[in-house]
Amino acid sequence: MRTSENLTAYLRHAHDVILPGNNGAVKIDRPISGKIHVGVDLGTAYLVLVVLDDALQPLAGVYQFAEVVKDGLVVDFIGAVECLRHMKSGWKNALAAQSPVRLPVTRRVSQ
């Protein structure tokens, strides 16, 4: 269980690694080992992509304004895919620079 101090530190670190999408720079400040976990949130105003390490600590993330969801429904699927593909390229290059070996990615779809 996390204490409020741990939660505050966790949220502060997450805030530090999640950058606006138009920035284009993704910085990973520690070595990566084990699996990585990738999460995507298609929100009404923003698309968010977050990368976590095996201990579920934030490694990198990016968000970008996009009008692809309206009232909880995806109204521009192609636009969402294009935007996420662009967002993914920045952190993928940063991960490749950290590890020359292809890292396994856990894929899970929430219901």
C-alpha atoms as a PDB file:
ATOM      1  CA  MET A   1       0.000   0.000   0.000  1.00  0.00           C
ATOM      2  CA  ARG A   2       1.272   3.462  -0.834  1.00  0.00           C
ATOM      3  CA  THR A   3       1.394   6.227   1.724  1.00  0.00           C
ATOM      4  CA  SER A   4       0.458   9.757   0.786  1.00  0.00           C
ATOM      5  CA  GLU A   5       4.172  10.679   0.676  1.00  0.00           C
ATOM      6  CA  ASN A   6       4.906   7.797  -1.697  1.00  0.00           C
ATOM      7  CA  LEU A   7       1.914   8.712  -3.833  1.00  0.00           C
ATOM      8  CA  THR A   8       2.996  12.349  -3.972  1.00  0.00           C
ATOM      9  CA  ALA A   9       6.524  11.333  -5.032  1.00  0.00           C
ATOM     10  CA  TYR A  10       5.112   8.899  -7.621  1.00  0.00           C
ATOM     11  CA  LEU A  11       2.820  11.555  -9.114  1.00  0.00           C
ATOM     12  CA  ARG A  12       5.621  14.142  -9.128  1.00  0.00           C
ATOM     13  CA  HIS A  13       7.889  11.707 -11.017  1.00  0.00           C
ATOM     14  CA  ALA A  14       5.076  10.865 -13.472  1.00  0.00           C
ATOM     15  CA  HIS A  15       4.541  14.592 -14.060  1.00  0.00           C
ATOM     16  CA  ASP A  16       8.259  15.028 -14.760  1.00  0.00           C
ATOM     17  CA  VAL A  17       8.436  12.271 -17.402  1.00  0.00           C
ATOM     18  CA  ILE A  18       5.175  12.937 -19.263  1.00  0.00           C
ATOM     19  CA  LEU A  19       5.864  15.651 -21.816  1.00  0.00           C
ATOM     20  CA  PRO A  20       3.630  17.519 -24.270  1.00  0.00           C
ATOM     21  CA  GLY A  21       3.559  15.789 -27.675  1.00  0.00           C
ATOM     22  CA  ASN A  22       4.769  18.815 -29.611  1.00  0.00           C
ATOM     23  CA  ASN A  23       8.002  18.813 -27.584  1.00  0.00           C
ATOM     24  CA  GLY A  24       9.282  15.728 -29.394  1.00  0.00           C
ATOM     25  CA  ALA A  25      11.993  15.046 -26.818  1.00  0.00           C
ATOM     26  CA  VAL A  26      11.774  11.944 -24.667  1.00  0.00           C
ATOM     27  CA  LYS A  27      14.331  11.517 -21.928  1.00  0.00           C
ATOM     28  CA  ILE A  28      14.839   8.268 -20.043  1.00  0.00           C
ATOM     29  CA  ASP A  29      17.145   8.938 -17.116  1.00  0.00           C
ATOM     30  CA  ARG A  30      17.814   5.428 -15.820  1.00  0.00           C
ATOM     31  CA  PRO A  31      18.741   2.000 -17.196  1.00  0.00           C
ATOM     32  CA  ILE A  32      15.897  -0.280 -18.263  1.00  0.00           C
ATOM     33  CA  SER A  33      15.710  -3.972 -17.490  1.00  0.00           C
ATOM     34  CA  GLY A  34      12.850  -6.436 -17.644  1.00  0.00           C
ATOM     35  CA  LYS A  35       9.525  -5.866 -19.305  1.00  0.00           C
ATOM     36  CA  ILE A  36       8.047  -2.517 -20.143  1.00  0.00           C
ATOM     37  CA  HIS A  37       4.355  -1.714 -20.009  1.00  0.00           C
ATOM     38  CA  VAL A  38       2.695   0.735 -22.383  1.00  0.00           C
ATOM     39  CA  GLY A  39      -0.608   2.431 -21.672  1.00  0.00           C
ATOM     40  CA  VAL A  40      -2.772   4.611 -23.892  1.00  0.00           C
ATOM     41  CA  ASP A  41      -5.651   6.849 -22.863  1.00  0.00           C
ATOM     42  CA  LEU A  42      -7.949   8.236 -25.541  1.00  0.00           C
ATOM     43  CA  GLY A  43      -9.520  11.150 -23.747  1.00  0.00           C
ATOM     44  CA  THR A  44     -12.017  13.714 -24.932  1.00  0.00           C
ATOM     45  CA  ALA A  45      -9.330  16.387 -25.292  1.00  0.00           C
ATOM     46  CA  TYR A  46      -5.966  14.604 -25.028  1.00  0.00           C
ATOM     47  CA  LEU A  47      -4.309  11.382 -26.107  1.00  0.00           C
ATOM     48  CA  VAL A  48      -1.855  10.101 -23.504  1.00  0.00           C
ATOM     49  CA  LEU A  49       0.802   7.424 -23.985  1.00  0.00           C
ATOM     50  CA  VAL A  50       2.781   6.254 -20.918  1.00  0.00           C
ATOM     51  CA  VAL A  51       5.650   3.754 -20.627  1.00  0.00           C
ATOM     52  CA  LEU A  52       6.240   2.013 -17.270  1.00  0.00           C
ATOM     53  CA  ASP A  53       9.133  -0.192 -16.187  1.00  0.00           C
ATOM     54  CA  ASP A  54       8.769  -3.688 -14.740  1.00  0.00           C
ATOM     55  CA  ALA A  55       8.175  -2.190 -11.276  1.00  0.00           C
ATOM     56  CA  LEU A  56       5.376  -0.042 -12.783  1.00  0.00           C
ATOM     57  CA  GLN A  57       7.360   3.160 -12.342  1.00  0.00           C
ATOM     58  CA  PRO A  58       6.986   5.813 -15.087  1.00  0.00           C
ATOM     59  CA  LEU A  59       9.825   5.787 -17.638  1.00  0.00           C
ATOM     60  CA  ALA A  60       8.444   8.103 -20.269  1.00  0.00           C
ATOM     61  CA  GLY A  61       5.210   9.518 -21.518  1.00  0.00           C
ATOM     62  CA  VAL A  62       3.747  11.977 -23.912  1.00  0.00           C
ATOM     63  CA  TYR A  63       0.385  13.685 -24.333  1.00  0.00           C
ATOM     64  CA  GLN A  64      -1.114  15.671 -27.158  1.00  0.00           C
ATOM     65  CA  PHE A  65      -4.325  17.580 -27.795  1.00  0.00           C
ATOM     66  CA  ALA A  66      -6.532  15.717 -30.260  1.00  0.00           C
ATOM     67  CA  GLU A  67     -10.201  15.848 -31.132  1.00  0.00           C
ATOM     68  CA  VAL A  68     -10.660  12.145 -31.875  1.00  0.00           C
ATOM     69  CA  VAL A  69     -13.130  11.231 -29.108  1.00  0.00           C
ATOM     70  CA  LYS A  70     -16.555  12.757 -28.542  1.00  0.00           C
ATOM     71  CA  ASP A  71     -18.895  11.771 -25.717  1.00  0.00           C
ATOM     72  CA  GLY A  72     -16.797   8.677 -25.010  1.00  0.00           C
ATOM     73  CA  LEU A  73     -16.829   7.398 -28.600  1.00  0.00           C
ATOM     74  CA  VAL A  74     -13.905   7.410 -31.011  1.00  0.00           C
ATOM     75  CA  VAL A  75     -15.071   9.566 -33.932  1.00  0.00           C
ATOM     76  CA  ASP A  76     -11.740   9.763 -35.774  1.00  0.00           C
ATOM     77  CA  PHE A  77     -10.049   6.358 -35.577  1.00  0.00           C
ATOM     78  CA  ILE A  78      -7.511   7.085 -38.319  1.00  0.00           C
ATOM     79  CA  GLY A  79      -6.631  10.393 -36.661  1.00  0.00           C
ATOM     80  CA  ALA A  80      -6.123   8.652 -33.307  1.00  0.00           C
ATOM     81  CA  VAL A  81      -3.878   5.989 -34.873  1.00  0.00           C
ATOM     82  CA  GLU A  82      -1.779   8.583 -36.723  1.00  0.00           C
ATOM     83  CA  CYS A  83      -1.394  10.722 -33.613  1.00  0.00           C
ATOM     84  CA  LEU A  84      -0.409   7.758 -31.427  1.00  0.00           C
ATOM     85  CA  ARG A  85       2.027   6.502 -34.067  1.00  0.00           C
ATOM     86  CA  HIS A  86       3.728   9.907 -34.055  1.00  0.00           C
ATOM     87  CA  MET A  87       3.793  10.025 -30.245  1.00  0.00           C
ATOM     88  CA  LYS A  88       5.206   6.479 -30.056  1.00  0.00           C
ATOM     89  CA  SER A  89       8.162   7.210 -32.323  1.00  0.00           C
ATOM     90  CA  GLY A  90       9.828   9.561 -29.797  1.00  0.00           C
ATOM     91  CA  TRP A  91       9.874   7.193 -26.837  1.00  0.00           C
ATOM     92  CA  LYS A  92      10.634   4.188 -29.047  1.00  0.00           C
ATOM     93  CA  ASN A  93      13.852   5.877 -30.221  1.00  0.00           C
ATOM     94  CA  ALA A  94      14.730   6.764 -26.623  1.00  0.00           C
ATOM     95  CA  LEU A  95      14.188   3.156 -25.512  1.00  0.00           C
ATOM     96  CA  ALA A  96      16.302   1.845 -28.401  1.00  0.00           C
ATOM     97  CA  ALA A  97      19.129   4.159 -27.357  1.00  0.00           C
ATOM     98  CA  GLN A  98      18.970   2.699 -23.831  1.00  0.00           C
ATOM     99  CA  SER A  99      18.987  -0.951 -24.859  1.00  0.00           C
ATOM    100  CA  PRO A 100      20.274  -2.467 -28.104  1.00  0.00           C
ATOM    101  CA  VAL A 101      18.194  -5.584 -27.369  1.00  0.00           C
ATOM    102  CA  ARG A 102      14.509  -5.622 -28.235  1.00  0.00           C
ATOM    103  CA  LEU A 103      12.606  -5.321 -24.968  1.00  0.00           C
ATOM    104  CA  PRO A 104       9.448  -7.404 -24.419  1.00  0.00           C
ATOM    105  CA  VAL A 105       6.267  -5.338 -24.162  1.00  0.00           C
ATOM    106  CA  THR A 106       3.235  -6.504 -22.195  1.00  0.00           C
ATOM    107  CA  ARG A 107       0.019  -5.955 -24.135  1.00  0.00           C
ATOM    108  CA  ARG A 108      -3.294  -5.903 -22.359  1.00  0.00           C
ATOM    109  CA  VAL A 109      -6.583  -4.318 -23.384  1.00  0.00           C
ATOM    110  CA  SER A 110      -8.795  -3.037 -20.597  1.00  0.00           C
ATOM    111  CA  GLN A 111     -12.522  -3.646 -20.908  1.00  0.00           C
END
